Structures are given as C-alpha cells and as structure tokens.
N, C-alpha and C. Protein backbone atom coordinates (compact mmCIF):
# COMPACT_ATOMS: atom_id res chain seq x y z
N MET A 1 0.72 -1.31 0.01
CA MET A 1 0.09 0.23 -0.24
C MET A 1 1.00 1.52 -0.17
N GLU A 2 0.56 2.46 -1.20
CA GLU A 2 1.18 3.42 -1.07
C GLU A 2 0.86 4.50 0.02
N GLU A 3 1.80 5.10 0.42
CA GLU A 3 1.73 6.43 1.53
C GLU A 3 0.91 7.53 0.86
N LYS A 4 -0.01 7.97 1.68
CA LYS A 4 -0.83 9.22 1.36
C LYS A 4 0.05 10.04 1.00
N PHE A 5 0.71 10.32 1.67
CA PHE A 5 1.62 11.51 1.51
C PHE A 5 3.11 11.12 1.72
N LEU A 6 4.05 11.73 0.63
CA LEU A 6 5.15 11.52 0.55
C LEU A 6 6.26 12.22 1.63
N ARG A 7 5.56 13.40 1.41
CA ARG A 7 6.31 14.52 2.14
C ARG A 7 5.46 15.94 3.19
N ASP A 8 5.74 15.91 4.41
CA ASP A 8 5.34 16.61 5.20
C ASP A 8 5.55 18.41 4.84
N THR A 9 4.56 19.23 5.49
CA THR A 9 4.72 20.45 4.98
C THR A 9 4.92 20.94 6.26
N PHE A 10 5.98 22.06 6.45
CA PHE A 10 5.81 22.92 7.97
C PHE A 10 5.88 24.62 7.78
N VAL A 11 5.04 24.97 8.20
CA VAL A 11 5.14 26.76 8.20
C VAL A 11 5.87 27.25 8.77
N TYR A 12 6.89 28.16 8.26
CA TYR A 12 8.11 28.81 9.42
C TYR A 12 7.82 30.12 9.29
N GLY A 13 7.44 30.90 10.61
CA GLY A 13 6.87 32.03 10.38
C GLY A 13 5.49 32.32 10.03
N ASN A 14 5.38 33.95 9.74
CA ASN A 14 4.39 34.12 9.58
C ASN A 14 3.89 34.47 8.21
N GLU A 15 5.08 34.66 7.64
CA GLU A 15 5.13 35.32 6.64
C GLU A 15 4.19 34.43 5.08
N PHE A 16 4.39 33.39 5.41
CA PHE A 16 3.52 32.55 4.34
C PHE A 16 1.94 32.83 4.69
N TRP A 17 1.79 32.58 6.12
CA TRP A 17 0.33 32.58 6.64
C TRP A 17 -0.34 34.28 6.14
N GLU A 18 0.32 35.26 6.27
CA GLU A 18 0.19 36.48 5.83
C GLU A 18 0.06 36.52 4.47
N PHE A 19 0.48 35.75 3.43
CA PHE A 19 0.48 35.88 2.09
C PHE A 19 -1.11 35.40 1.83
N TYR A 20 -0.94 34.01 2.35
CA TYR A 20 -1.90 33.08 1.92
C TYR A 20 -3.54 33.09 2.76
N ASN A 21 -3.65 34.18 3.76
CA ASN A 21 -4.84 34.98 4.48
C ASN A 21 -5.19 36.12 3.46
N SER A 22 -4.32 36.70 2.62
CA SER A 22 -4.46 37.64 1.56
C SER A 22 -5.41 37.47 0.58
N GLN A 23 -5.43 36.22 0.43
CA GLN A 23 -5.75 35.85 -1.05
C GLN A 23 -7.44 35.26 -0.74
N SER A 24 -8.19 35.40 -2.16
CA SER A 24 -9.49 34.88 -1.95
C SER A 24 -9.73 33.74 -1.79
N LEU A 25 -10.88 33.10 -1.48
CA LEU A 25 -11.33 31.54 -1.01
C LEU A 25 -10.83 30.86 -2.26
N SER A 26 -11.01 31.23 -3.65
CA SER A 26 -10.23 30.15 -4.79
C SER A 26 -9.32 29.87 -4.80
N VAL A 27 -8.93 31.26 -4.86
CA VAL A 27 -6.78 31.17 -4.64
C VAL A 27 -6.51 30.49 -3.54
N GLN A 28 -6.88 30.65 -2.01
CA GLN A 28 -6.44 29.66 -1.14
C GLN A 28 -6.98 27.94 -1.61
N LYS A 29 -7.84 27.65 -1.98
CA LYS A 29 -8.50 26.38 -2.70
C LYS A 29 -7.05 25.72 -3.38
N LYS A 30 -6.48 26.54 -4.16
CA LYS A 30 -5.66 26.26 -5.41
C LYS A 30 -4.68 26.14 -4.88
N ILE A 31 -4.22 27.03 -3.83
CA ILE A 31 -2.89 27.03 -3.37
C ILE A 31 -3.01 25.47 -2.44
N ASP A 32 -3.92 25.27 -1.95
CA ASP A 32 -3.92 23.97 -0.87
C ASP A 32 -3.76 22.86 -2.04
N TRP A 33 -4.56 22.88 -3.34
CA TRP A 33 -4.75 21.86 -3.91
C TRP A 33 -3.17 21.57 -4.51
N THR A 34 -2.28 22.59 -5.04
CA THR A 34 -1.08 23.03 -5.62
C THR A 34 -0.27 22.02 -4.18
N ILE A 35 -0.10 22.89 -3.14
CA ILE A 35 0.71 21.69 -1.91
C ILE A 35 0.27 20.31 -1.81
N GLY A 36 -0.99 20.37 -1.84
CA GLY A 36 -1.30 18.79 -1.84
C GLY A 36 -0.59 18.04 -2.78
N LEU A 37 -0.68 18.28 -4.19
CA LEU A 37 0.71 17.90 -5.10
C LEU A 37 1.76 17.61 -4.70
N VAL A 38 2.52 18.81 -4.48
CA VAL A 38 3.66 18.86 -3.92
C VAL A 38 4.10 17.54 -2.51
N ARG A 39 3.35 17.37 -2.01
CA ARG A 39 3.11 16.41 -0.61
C ARG A 39 2.94 15.04 -1.39
N SER A 40 2.29 14.75 -2.23
CA SER A 40 1.62 13.74 -2.62
C SER A 40 2.29 12.66 -3.79
N LEU A 41 2.84 13.68 -4.68
CA LEU A 41 3.47 13.12 -6.03
C LEU A 41 4.93 12.48 -5.89
N ARG A 42 5.24 11.04 -6.59
CA ARG A 42 6.56 10.98 -6.30
C ARG A 42 7.62 12.07 -7.22
N VAL A 43 7.02 12.05 -8.62
CA VAL A 43 7.45 13.18 -9.10
C VAL A 43 6.70 14.19 -9.34
N ILE A 44 7.29 15.49 -8.91
CA ILE A 44 6.56 16.40 -9.01
C ILE A 44 6.69 17.31 -10.10
N PRO A 45 6.38 17.79 -11.39
CA PRO A 45 6.02 18.30 -12.96
C PRO A 45 6.80 19.75 -12.16
N GLU A 46 7.48 19.87 -13.45
CA GLU A 46 8.34 21.53 -13.04
C GLU A 46 7.17 22.71 -12.91
N LYS A 47 5.92 22.38 -13.77
CA LYS A 47 4.84 23.45 -13.36
C LYS A 47 4.20 23.86 -12.48
N PHE A 48 4.95 22.83 -11.43
CA PHE A 48 4.03 22.94 -9.98
C PHE A 48 5.40 23.32 -9.01
N PHE A 49 6.36 22.87 -9.12
CA PHE A 49 7.51 22.78 -8.43
C PHE A 49 9.25 22.59 -9.12
N LYS A 50 9.69 23.85 -8.51
CA LYS A 50 11.23 24.18 -9.70
C LYS A 50 11.89 25.10 -8.55
N HIS A 51 13.51 24.16 -8.91
CA HIS A 51 14.56 25.05 -7.97
C HIS A 51 14.56 26.21 -8.68
N ILE A 52 15.14 27.19 -7.60
CA ILE A 52 15.76 28.45 -7.82
C ILE A 52 16.88 28.54 -8.28
N GLU A 53 17.17 28.74 -9.52
CA GLU A 53 18.39 28.91 -10.04
C GLU A 53 19.52 29.87 -9.41
N GLY A 54 20.86 29.47 -9.03
CA GLY A 54 21.60 30.29 -8.33
C GLY A 54 21.64 30.26 -6.61
N THR A 55 20.65 29.01 -6.55
CA THR A 55 20.62 29.24 -4.83
C THR A 55 20.59 27.47 -4.56
N ASP A 56 21.38 27.24 -3.15
CA ASP A 56 21.60 26.30 -2.94
C ASP A 56 19.97 25.39 -2.02
N GLY A 57 19.39 25.31 -2.66
CA GLY A 57 18.00 24.13 -2.13
C GLY A 57 17.38 24.98 -1.56
N LEU A 58 16.91 26.19 -2.51
CA LEU A 58 15.67 27.12 -2.70
C LEU A 58 14.51 26.46 -3.80
N TYR A 59 13.51 26.12 -3.16
CA TYR A 59 12.67 25.51 -4.36
C TYR A 59 11.15 26.92 -4.13
N GLU A 60 10.75 26.89 -5.40
CA GLU A 60 9.36 27.67 -5.20
C GLU A 60 8.05 26.56 -5.83
N ILE A 61 6.73 26.48 -5.07
CA ILE A 61 5.64 26.07 -5.58
C ILE A 61 4.88 27.10 -6.48
N ARG A 62 4.65 26.33 -7.52
CA ARG A 62 3.83 27.36 -8.41
C ARG A 62 2.77 27.21 -8.71
N VAL A 63 1.79 28.48 -8.56
CA VAL A 63 0.38 28.28 -8.51
C VAL A 63 -0.08 29.04 -9.78
N LYS A 64 -0.70 28.35 -10.37
CA LYS A 64 -1.41 29.41 -11.27
C LYS A 64 -3.09 29.82 -11.27
N PHE A 65 -3.52 30.81 -11.30
CA PHE A 65 -5.40 30.56 -11.09
C PHE A 65 -5.62 31.97 -11.83
N GLY A 66 -6.39 31.23 -13.01
CA GLY A 66 -6.68 32.52 -13.95
C GLY A 66 -5.52 32.67 -14.79
N SER A 67 -5.51 34.02 -14.80
CA SER A 67 -4.29 34.84 -15.31
C SER A 67 -3.23 34.93 -14.50
N ASP A 68 -3.64 34.89 -13.11
CA ASP A 68 -2.69 35.31 -11.92
C ASP A 68 -1.70 33.99 -11.77
N ILE A 69 -0.56 34.45 -11.03
CA ILE A 69 0.45 33.27 -11.11
C ILE A 69 1.09 33.72 -9.32
N PHE A 70 1.44 32.61 -8.74
CA PHE A 70 1.62 32.80 -7.69
C PHE A 70 2.77 31.71 -6.93
N ARG A 71 3.73 32.44 -6.30
CA ARG A 71 5.11 31.85 -5.90
C ARG A 71 4.97 31.68 -4.64
N ILE A 72 5.73 30.39 -3.98
CA ILE A 72 5.62 30.31 -2.61
C ILE A 72 6.80 29.36 -2.46
N PHE A 73 7.88 30.43 -1.41
CA PHE A 73 8.89 29.57 -1.65
C PHE A 73 9.03 28.41 -0.03
N CYS A 74 10.15 27.75 -0.76
CA CYS A 74 10.16 26.62 0.29
C CYS A 74 11.70 25.97 0.05
N PHE A 75 11.63 25.03 1.39
CA PHE A 75 12.98 24.30 0.78
C PHE A 75 12.90 22.69 1.72
N PHE A 76 13.82 22.00 1.24
CA PHE A 76 13.49 20.68 2.34
C PHE A 76 14.52 20.79 3.71
N ASP A 77 13.87 20.05 4.52
CA ASP A 77 14.81 20.04 5.51
C ASP A 77 14.63 18.25 6.22
N LYS A 78 15.64 18.00 6.66
CA LYS A 78 15.50 16.42 6.74
C LYS A 78 14.95 15.25 5.73
N GLY A 79 15.33 15.84 4.67
CA GLY A 79 14.46 14.68 3.53
C GLY A 79 13.05 14.94 2.94
N ARG A 80 12.43 14.47 3.59
CA ARG A 80 11.44 15.02 3.37
C ARG A 80 10.22 15.62 3.89
N LEU A 81 10.55 16.69 4.66
CA LEU A 81 10.26 17.89 5.21
C LEU A 81 9.90 18.95 4.57
N ILE A 82 9.21 19.43 4.06
CA ILE A 82 9.42 20.62 3.32
C ILE A 82 8.80 22.02 3.99
N ILE A 83 9.80 22.95 4.09
CA ILE A 83 9.48 24.14 5.19
C ILE A 83 9.01 25.34 3.95
N LEU A 84 7.60 25.74 4.44
CA LEU A 84 7.14 26.76 3.54
C LEU A 84 7.54 28.23 3.95
N LEU A 85 8.03 29.00 3.28
CA LEU A 85 8.47 30.13 3.51
C LEU A 85 7.56 31.65 3.77
N ASN A 86 7.69 32.00 2.34
CA ASN A 86 6.77 33.06 1.83
C ASN A 86 6.37 33.12 0.10
N GLY A 87 5.72 33.65 0.46
CA GLY A 87 4.54 33.72 -0.85
C GLY A 87 4.09 34.91 -1.62
N PHE A 88 4.28 35.18 -2.84
CA PHE A 88 3.81 36.54 -3.44
C PHE A 88 3.06 36.26 -4.64
N ARG A 89 2.19 37.44 -5.06
CA ARG A 89 1.89 37.19 -6.59
C ARG A 89 2.84 37.46 -7.54
N LYS A 90 3.25 36.69 -8.46
CA LYS A 90 3.98 37.45 -9.71
C LYS A 90 3.58 38.39 -10.65
N LYS A 91 4.29 39.48 -10.89
CA LYS A 91 3.64 40.40 -11.53
C LYS A 91 4.62 40.56 -13.11
N SER A 92 6.06 39.76 -13.07
CA SER A 92 6.45 39.90 -14.43
C SER A 92 7.22 38.64 -14.43
N GLN A 93 7.75 38.45 -15.40
CA GLN A 93 8.34 37.19 -16.11
C GLN A 93 9.47 36.34 -14.97
N LYS A 94 10.18 37.58 -14.43
CA LYS A 94 11.42 37.30 -13.59
C LYS A 94 11.03 37.33 -11.92
N THR A 95 11.26 35.78 -11.77
CA THR A 95 10.86 36.21 -10.23
C THR A 95 12.00 37.42 -9.64
N PRO A 96 11.45 38.43 -8.57
CA PRO A 96 12.35 39.55 -8.13
C PRO A 96 13.03 39.16 -7.16
N LEU A 97 14.40 39.41 -7.30
CA LEU A 97 15.53 39.21 -6.46
C LEU A 97 14.70 39.41 -4.94
N GLY A 98 14.27 40.20 -4.46
CA GLY A 98 13.91 41.10 -3.33
C GLY A 98 13.18 39.79 -2.80
N GLU A 99 12.44 39.22 -3.28
CA GLU A 99 11.40 37.96 -2.59
C GLU A 99 12.40 36.64 -2.51
N ILE A 100 13.48 36.57 -3.33
CA ILE A 100 14.48 35.36 -3.52
C ILE A 100 15.54 35.71 -1.82
N GLU A 101 15.72 37.11 -1.72
CA GLU A 101 16.54 37.17 -0.78
C GLU A 101 15.67 37.03 0.36
N ARG A 102 14.51 37.90 0.35
CA ARG A 102 14.03 37.41 1.78
C ARG A 102 13.60 36.22 2.14
N ALA A 103 13.44 34.95 1.29
CA ALA A 103 13.09 33.66 1.80
C ALA A 103 14.40 32.85 2.25
N LEU A 104 15.77 33.38 1.59
CA LEU A 104 16.96 33.04 1.80
C LEU A 104 17.55 33.50 3.47
N SER A 105 16.91 34.68 3.26
CA SER A 105 16.55 35.33 4.72
C SER A 105 16.01 34.63 6.27
N LEU A 106 15.01 34.23 5.56
CA LEU A 106 13.93 33.30 6.41
C LEU A 106 14.22 31.67 6.83
N ARG A 107 15.07 31.39 5.65
CA ARG A 107 15.63 30.08 5.46
C ARG A 107 17.08 30.06 6.75
N ARG A 108 17.66 31.11 6.84
CA ARG A 108 19.16 31.28 7.61
C ARG A 108 18.27 31.47 8.88
N LYS A 109 17.24 32.17 9.28
CA LYS A 109 16.62 31.93 10.56
C LYS A 109 16.08 30.91 11.33
N TYR A 110 15.63 30.33 10.36
CA TYR A 110 15.00 28.73 10.37
C TYR A 110 16.30 28.07 11.36
N TYR A 111 17.15 27.80 10.33
CA TYR A 111 18.32 26.99 10.86
C TYR A 111 18.78 27.50 12.29
N GLU A 112 19.01 28.92 12.32
CA GLU A 112 19.85 29.15 13.72
C GLU A 112 18.75 29.21 14.49
N GLU A 113 17.44 29.19 14.58
CA GLU A 113 16.33 28.76 15.76
C GLU A 113 16.38 27.33 15.82
N LYS A 114 16.84 26.52 15.00
CA LYS A 114 16.64 25.07 15.02
C LYS A 114 17.18 24.38 16.15
C-alpha cells in the first residue's frame, strides 16, 4: 500500500500565512490543491515545483489561478520535510530578487532557531 503523503509540510514564521490569508478563498483552495500535489506526488512536474537557479536548495511552489501566478518559496529539511517560507503574486516574467533574498533570509533564521 502506498503512503498517502510522501512529504510533510511545515510553515515557518508568519510570512506564508500573511500571504495566504490575503488571497481570495478560490486562490487559497488552489494553493491548498497545489501543496497537496507537492506532498503526494512521487515526481512533481516542474509546472508546480521548481528549484530556484543560483540558490542552494531553495524551491518555489508554482500556483496558477486564471491569469494570476503565485509563488511560494520553500526548502527541504530532513529529506521529506518541506518548510514553507513566504509567498507572493508574480507580476513579471522574472522572479523579483528581493523575494528570493527574503526567502533565503527566512531559511537562515529557521536554521539559527533550530
């Protein structure tokens, strides 16, 4: 019998929840659905989950809702544990450097507090 979830998720800090709670219920449901895929699929399509180039282990969960695109930064801790950091609505082709730096800073804090 296959496990229902291959990976667990943990939200670090408040930034993810502030982003999540500021979205409409429809967007929240799509975020929940996408995180469910990331947790349960053995191989996650790049359409939903991608490594951020130039970083050491930072990933983005990719959510598309209508014409809107949302990104949630995360990383792995202890193999199958995904730590959710922060999210934002993407307004341009390129992921803003400030958002990546914020996620890297949150990841550093996570390990300092651990």
